[in-house]
Amino acid sequence: MTSTRIVLDGGPEFKHGRVRPADDGYEKVKILLGSGYEHFVHNGEFLELDGENLPVFQWSERTKIAE
């Protein structure tokens, strides 16, 4: 599987910013933050940044890590 950069929109602030690498081909991503996961969904939106068309993933929910 190849990797691409994505843009995260909404949800909490991230230490390393809102542009990050992710595996290609997924409509959903989840990112570990503190004691839970932040979930993001791609709804077809793209943003041109540094000459690249990056998919924008919208924040959808937070879930806690199962104990």
PDB file of N, CA and C in Angstrom:
ATOM      1  N   MET A   1       0.847  -1.179   0.000  1.00  0.00           N
ATOM      2  CA  MET A   1       0.000   0.000   0.000  1.00  0.00           C
ATOM      3  C   MET A   1       0.892   1.241   0.000  1.00  0.00           C
ATOM      4  N   THR A   2       0.535   2.231  -0.800  1.00  0.00           N
ATOM      5  CA  THR A   2       1.315   3.463  -0.851  1.00  0.00           C
ATOM      6  C   THR A   2       0.780   4.481   0.153  1.00  0.00           C
ATOM      7  N   SER A   3       1.577   5.505   0.386  1.00  0.00           N
ATOM      8  CA  SER A   3       1.217   6.531   1.359  1.00  0.00           C
ATOM      9  C   SER A   3       1.048   7.873   0.659  1.00  0.00           C
ATOM     10  N   THR A   4       0.177   8.701   1.195  1.00  0.00           N
ATOM     11  CA  THR A   4      -0.035  10.049   0.689  1.00  0.00           C
ATOM     12  C   THR A   4      -0.189  10.991   1.871  1.00  0.00           C
ATOM     13  N   ARG A   5      -0.130  12.275   1.605  1.00  0.00           N
ATOM     14  CA  ARG A   5      -0.390  13.240   2.675  1.00  0.00           C
ATOM     15  C   ARG A   5      -1.880  13.565   2.674  1.00  0.00           C
ATOM     16  N   ILE A   6      -2.438  13.753   3.871  1.00  0.00           N
ATOM     17  CA  ILE A   6      -3.837  14.132   4.010  1.00  0.00           C
ATOM     18  C   ILE A   6      -3.926  15.371   4.895  1.00  0.00           C
ATOM     19  N   VAL A   7      -5.069  16.063   4.809  1.00  0.00           N
ATOM     20  CA  VAL A   7      -5.351  17.226   5.647  1.00  0.00           C
ATOM     21  C   VAL A   7      -6.474  16.852   6.603  1.00  0.00           C
ATOM     22  N   LEU A   8      -6.290  17.126   7.899  1.00  0.00           N
ATOM     23  CA  LEU A   8      -7.324  16.877   8.899  1.00  0.00           C
ATOM     24  C   LEU A   8      -8.068  18.177   9.166  1.00  0.00           C
ATOM     25  N   ASP A   9      -9.405  18.106   9.199  1.00  0.00           N
ATOM     26  CA  ASP A   9     -10.227  19.289   9.430  1.00  0.00           C
ATOM     27  C   ASP A   9     -11.169  19.027  10.596  1.00  0.00           C
ATOM     28  N   GLY A  10     -11.159  19.926  11.583  1.00  0.00           N
ATOM     29  CA  GLY A  10     -12.011  19.766  12.756  1.00  0.00           C
ATOM     30  C   GLY A  10     -11.328  18.920  13.813  1.00  0.00           C
ATOM     31  N   GLY A  11     -12.017  18.709  14.922  1.00  0.00           N
ATOM     32  CA  GLY A  11     -11.454  17.916  16.011  1.00  0.00           C
ATOM     33  C   GLY A  11     -10.424  18.699  16.802  1.00  0.00           C
ATOM     34  N   PRO A  12      -9.652  18.011  17.618  1.00  0.00           N
ATOM     35  CA  PRO A  12      -8.682  18.673  18.493  1.00  0.00           C
ATOM     36  C   PRO A  12      -7.442  19.150  17.733  1.00  0.00           C
ATOM     37  N   GLU A  13      -6.639  19.954  18.405  1.00  0.00           N
ATOM     38  CA  GLU A  13      -5.363  20.390  17.841  1.00  0.00           C
ATOM     39  C   GLU A  13      -4.349  19.250  17.953  1.00  0.00           C
ATOM     40  N   PHE A  14      -3.481  19.140  16.966  1.00  0.00           N
ATOM     41  CA  PHE A  14      -2.461  18.105  16.962  1.00  0.00           C
ATOM     42  C   PHE A  14      -1.086  18.730  17.064  1.00  0.00           C
ATOM     43  N   LYS A  15      -0.243  18.108  17.855  1.00  0.00           N
ATOM     44  CA  LYS A  15       1.119  18.589  18.089  1.00  0.00           C
ATOM     45  C   LYS A  15       1.905  18.749  16.786  1.00  0.00           C
ATOM     46  N   HIS A  16       1.704  17.836  15.849  1.00  0.00           N
ATOM     47  CA  HIS A  16       2.483  17.830  14.609  1.00  0.00           C
ATOM     48  C   HIS A  16       1.720  18.416  13.429  1.00  0.00           C
ATOM     49  N   GLY A  17       0.658  19.186  13.690  1.00  0.00           N
ATOM     50  CA  GLY A  17      -0.075  19.857  12.621  1.00  0.00           C
ATOM     51  C   GLY A  17      -1.189  19.027  12.022  1.00  0.00           C
ATOM     52  N   ARG A  18      -1.816  19.607  11.019  1.00  0.00           N
ATOM     53  CA  ARG A  18      -2.999  18.997  10.411  1.00  0.00           C
ATOM     54  C   ARG A  18      -2.715  18.276   9.099  1.00  0.00           C
ATOM     55  N   VAL A  19      -1.502  18.376   8.583  1.00  0.00           N
ATOM     56  CA  VAL A  19      -1.131  17.629   7.378  1.00  0.00           C
ATOM     57  C   VAL A  19      -0.251  16.486   7.828  1.00  0.00           C
ATOM     58  N   ARG A  20      -0.645  15.275   7.464  1.00  0.00           N
ATOM     59  CA  ARG A  20       0.112  14.099   7.917  1.00  0.00           C
ATOM     60  C   ARG A  20       0.029  12.982   6.887  1.00  0.00           C
ATOM     61  N   PRO A  21       0.961  12.033   6.952  1.00  0.00           N
ATOM     62  CA  PRO A  21       0.918  10.896   6.022  1.00  0.00           C
ATOM     63  C   PRO A  21      -0.176   9.905   6.421  1.00  0.00           C
ATOM     64  N   ALA A  22      -0.717   9.231   5.423  1.00  0.00           N
ATOM     65  CA  ALA A  22      -1.713   8.176   5.658  1.00  0.00           C
ATOM     66  C   ALA A  22      -1.653   7.203   4.489  1.00  0.00           C
ATOM     67  N   ASP A  23      -2.103   5.980   4.718  1.00  0.00           N
ATOM     68  CA  ASP A  23      -2.158   4.988   3.649  1.00  0.00           C
ATOM     69  C   ASP A  23      -3.209   5.387   2.618  1.00  0.00           C
ATOM     70  N   ASP A  24      -2.901   5.186   1.343  1.00  0.00           N
ATOM     71  CA  ASP A  24      -3.854   5.449   0.260  1.00  0.00           C
ATOM     72  C   ASP A  24      -5.001   4.454   0.308  1.00  0.00           C
ATOM     73  N   GLY A  25      -6.142   4.868  -0.223  1.00  0.00           N
ATOM     74  CA  GLY A  25      -7.239   3.936  -0.440  1.00  0.00           C
ATOM     75  C   GLY A  25      -8.237   3.824   0.692  1.00  0.00           C
ATOM     76  N   TYR A  26      -8.064   4.567   1.750  1.00  0.00           N
ATOM     77  CA  TYR A  26      -9.000   4.483   2.866  1.00  0.00           C
ATOM     78  C   TYR A  26      -9.881   5.717   2.900  1.00  0.00           C
ATOM     79  N   GLU A  27     -11.160   5.534   3.218  1.00  0.00           N
ATOM     80  CA  GLU A  27     -12.091   6.651   3.363  1.00  0.00           C
ATOM     81  C   GLU A  27     -12.154   7.129   4.807  1.00  0.00           C
ATOM     82  N   LYS A  28     -11.603   6.333   5.742  1.00  0.00           N
ATOM     83  CA  LYS A  28     -11.603   6.688   7.163  1.00  0.00           C
ATOM     84  C   LYS A  28     -10.197   6.509   7.722  1.00  0.00           C
ATOM     85  N   VAL A  29      -9.822   7.380   8.662  1.00  0.00           N
ATOM     86  CA  VAL A  29      -8.562   7.214   9.389  1.00  0.00           C
ATOM     87  C   VAL A  29      -8.841   7.429  10.868  1.00  0.00           C
ATOM     88  N   LYS A  30      -8.038   6.777  11.713  1.00  0.00           N
ATOM     89  CA  LYS A  30      -8.137   7.032  13.150  1.00  0.00           C
ATOM     90  C   LYS A  30      -6.740   7.306  13.670  1.00  0.00           C
ATOM     91  N   ILE A  31      -6.663   8.295  14.555  1.00  0.00           N
ATOM     92  CA  ILE A  31      -5.380   8.769  15.053  1.00  0.00           C
ATOM     93  C   ILE A  31      -5.392   8.714  16.567  1.00  0.00           C
ATOM     94  N   LEU A  32      -4.387   8.062  17.129  1.00  0.00           N
ATOM     95  CA  LEU A  32      -4.255   7.959  18.578  1.00  0.00           C
ATOM     96  C   LEU A  32      -3.923   9.327  19.156  1.00  0.00           C
ATOM     97  N   LEU A  33      -4.692   9.742  20.155  1.00  0.00           N
ATOM     98  CA  LEU A  33      -4.443  11.010  20.837  1.00  0.00           C
ATOM     99  C   LEU A  33      -4.837  10.838  22.300  1.00  0.00           C
ATOM    100  N   GLY A  34      -3.844  10.895  23.179  1.00  0.00           N
ATOM    101  CA  GLY A  34      -4.126  10.716  24.604  1.00  0.00           C
ATOM    102  C   GLY A  34      -4.667   9.327  24.878  1.00  0.00           C
ATOM    103  N   SER A  35      -5.824   9.269  25.534  1.00  0.00           N
ATOM    104  CA  SER A  35      -6.407   7.978  25.912  1.00  0.00           C
ATOM    105  C   SER A  35      -7.493   7.526  24.942  1.00  0.00           C
ATOM    106  N   GLY A  36      -7.462   8.027  23.720  1.00  0.00           N
ATOM    107  CA  GLY A  36      -8.487   7.633  22.762  1.00  0.00           C
ATOM    108  C   GLY A  36      -8.036   7.813  21.329  1.00  0.00           C
ATOM    109  N   TYR A  37      -8.976   7.587  20.429  1.00  0.00           N
ATOM    110  CA  TYR A  37      -8.740   7.748  18.999  1.00  0.00           C
ATOM    111  C   TYR A  37      -9.641   8.844  18.451  1.00  0.00           C
ATOM    112  N   GLU A  38      -9.079   9.672  17.586  1.00  0.00           N
ATOM    113  CA  GLU A  38      -9.852  10.661  16.841  1.00  0.00           C
ATOM    114  C   GLU A  38     -10.107  10.058  15.464  1.00  0.00           C
ATOM    115  N   HIS A  39     -11.364  10.073  15.033  1.00  0.00           N
ATOM    116  CA  HIS A  39     -11.762   9.469  13.765  1.00  0.00           C
ATOM    117  C   HIS A  39     -12.081  10.565  12.746  1.00  0.00           C
ATOM    118  N   PHE A  40     -11.616  10.357  11.519  1.00  0.00           N
ATOM    119  CA  PHE A  40     -11.811  11.312  10.431  1.00  0.00           C
ATOM    120  C   PHE A  40     -12.309  10.562   9.200  1.00  0.00           C
ATOM    121  N   VAL A  41     -13.157  11.225   8.399  1.00  0.00           N
ATOM    122  CA  VAL A  41     -13.764  10.625   7.210  1.00  0.00           C
ATOM    123  C   VAL A  41     -13.520  11.529   6.003  1.00  0.00           C
ATOM    124  N   HIS A  42     -13.185  10.906   4.862  1.00  0.00           N
ATOM    125  CA  HIS A  42     -13.017  11.666   3.620  1.00  0.00           C
ATOM    126  C   HIS A  42     -14.349  11.702   2.887  1.00  0.00           C
ATOM    127  N   ASN A  43     -14.837  12.916   2.619  1.00  0.00           N
ATOM    128  CA  ASN A  43     -16.130  13.088   1.944  1.00  0.00           C
ATOM    129  C   ASN A  43     -15.984  13.594   0.516  1.00  0.00           C
ATOM    130  N   GLY A  44     -14.802  13.413  -0.067  1.00  0.00           N
ATOM    131  CA  GLY A  44     -14.594  13.813  -1.453  1.00  0.00           C
ATOM    132  C   GLY A  44     -13.954  15.177  -1.642  1.00  0.00           C
ATOM    133  N   GLU A  45     -13.701  15.903  -0.555  1.00  0.00           N
ATOM    134  CA  GLU A  45     -13.103  17.239  -0.649  1.00  0.00           C
ATOM    135  C   GLU A  45     -11.583  17.141  -0.780  1.00  0.00           C
ATOM    136  N   PHE A  46     -10.999  18.054  -1.578  1.00  0.00           N
ATOM    137  CA  PHE A  46      -9.550  18.136  -1.751  1.00  0.00           C
ATOM    138  C   PHE A  46      -9.102  19.579  -1.555  1.00  0.00           C
ATOM    139  N   LEU A  47      -7.845  19.753  -1.166  1.00  0.00           N
ATOM    140  CA  LEU A  47      -7.256  21.073  -0.958  1.00  0.00           C
ATOM    141  C   LEU A  47      -5.905  21.098  -1.648  1.00  0.00           C
ATOM    142  N   GLU A  48      -5.666  22.128  -2.473  1.00  0.00           N
ATOM    143  CA  GLU A  48      -4.361  22.244  -3.121  1.00  0.00           C
ATOM    144  C   GLU A  48      -3.387  22.889  -2.150  1.00  0.00           C
ATOM    145  N   LEU A  49      -2.281  22.202  -1.893  1.00  0.00           N
ATOM    146  CA  LEU A  49      -1.269  22.676  -0.953  1.00  0.00           C
ATOM    147  C   LEU A  49       0.105  22.314  -1.502  1.00  0.00           C
ATOM    148  N   ASP A  50       0.954  23.295  -1.681  1.00  0.00           N
ATOM    149  CA  ASP A  50       2.304  23.076  -2.217  1.00  0.00           C
ATOM    150  C   ASP A  50       2.277  22.339  -3.554  1.00  0.00           C
ATOM    151  N   GLY A  51       1.298  22.658  -4.404  1.00  0.00           N
ATOM    152  CA  GLY A  51       1.201  22.042  -5.716  1.00  0.00           C
ATOM    153  C   GLY A  51       0.628  20.637  -5.716  1.00  0.00           C
ATOM    154  N   GLU A  52       0.172  20.166  -4.569  1.00  0.00           N
ATOM    155  CA  GLU A  52      -0.412  18.822  -4.441  1.00  0.00           C
ATOM    156  C   GLU A  52      -1.895  18.943  -4.131  1.00  0.00           C
ATOM    157  N   ASN A  53      -2.700  18.059  -4.681  1.00  0.00           N
ATOM    158  CA  ASN A  53      -4.119  17.989  -4.362  1.00  0.00           C
ATOM    159  C   ASN A  53      -4.291  16.984  -3.226  1.00  0.00           C
ATOM    160  N   LEU A  54      -4.489  17.460  -2.001  1.00  0.00           N
ATOM    161  CA  LEU A  54      -4.552  16.583  -0.833  1.00  0.00           C
ATOM    162  C   LEU A  54      -5.991  16.332  -0.412  1.00  0.00           C
ATOM    163  N   PRO A  55      -6.338  15.078  -0.091  1.00  0.00           N
ATOM    164  CA  PRO A  55      -7.680  14.797   0.411  1.00  0.00           C
ATOM    165  C   PRO A  55      -7.868  15.405   1.803  1.00  0.00           C
ATOM    166  N   VAL A  56      -9.055  15.970   2.033  1.00  0.00           N
ATOM    167  CA  VAL A  56      -9.392  16.559   3.327  1.00  0.00           C
ATOM    168  C   VAL A  56     -10.281  15.575   4.080  1.00  0.00           C
ATOM    169  N   PHE A  57      -9.860  15.218   5.284  1.00  0.00           N
ATOM    170  CA  PHE A  57     -10.622  14.308   6.137  1.00  0.00           C
ATOM    171  C   PHE A  57     -11.270  15.111   7.256  1.00  0.00           C
ATOM    172  N   GLN A  58     -12.602  15.012   7.376  1.00  0.00           N
ATOM    173  CA  GLN A  58     -13.367  15.730   8.393  1.00  0.00           C
ATOM    174  C   GLN A  58     -13.440  14.904   9.671  1.00  0.00           C
ATOM    175  N   TRP A  59     -13.289  15.585  10.815  1.00  0.00           N
ATOM    176  CA  TRP A  59     -13.405  14.908  12.104  1.00  0.00           C
ATOM    177  C   TRP A  59     -14.824  14.376  12.245  1.00  0.00           C
ATOM    178  N   SER A  60     -14.973  13.135  12.746  1.00  0.00           N
ATOM    179  CA  SER A  60     -16.311  12.565  12.909  1.00  0.00           C
ATOM    180  C   SER A  60     -16.628  12.166  14.345  1.00  0.00           C
ATOM    181  N   GLU A  61     -15.642  11.656  15.093  1.00  0.00           N
ATOM    182  CA  GLU A  61     -15.922  11.248  16.470  1.00  0.00           C
ATOM    183  C   GLU A  61     -14.636  10.923  17.212  1.00  0.00           C
ATOM    184  N   ARG A  62     -14.775  10.765  18.530  1.00  0.00           N
ATOM    185  CA  ARG A  62     -13.679  10.317  19.392  1.00  0.00           C
ATOM    186  C   ARG A  62     -14.147   9.056  20.106  1.00  0.00           C
ATOM    187  N   THR A  63     -13.279   8.053  20.162  1.00  0.00           N
ATOM    188  CA  THR A  63     -13.582   6.845  20.928  1.00  0.00           C
ATOM    189  C   THR A  63     -12.469   6.601  21.929  1.00  0.00           C
ATOM    190  N   LYS A  64     -12.819   5.973  23.037  1.00  0.00           N
ATOM    191  CA  LYS A  64     -11.833   5.649  24.067  1.00  0.00           C
ATOM    192  C   LYS A  64     -11.180   4.316  23.751  1.00  0.00           C
ATOM    193  N   ILE A  65      -9.951   4.150  24.210  1.00  0.00           N
ATOM    194  CA  ILE A  65      -9.241   2.890  24.045  1.00  0.00           C
ATOM    195  C   ILE A  65      -9.844   1.875  25.009  1.00  0.00           C
ATOM    196  N   ALA A  66     -10.140   0.691  24.507  1.00  0.00           N
ATOM    197  CA  ALA A  66     -10.702  -0.367  25.354  1.00  0.00           C
ATOM    198  C   ALA A  66      -9.671  -0.821  26.374  1.00  0.00           C
ATOM    199  N   GLU A  67     -10.128  -1.013  27.577  1.00  0.00           N
ATOM    200  CA  GLU A  67      -9.207  -1.451  28.640  1.00  0.00           C
ATOM    201  C   GLU A  67      -9.266  -2.942  28.841  1.00  0.00           C
TER     202      GLU A  67
END
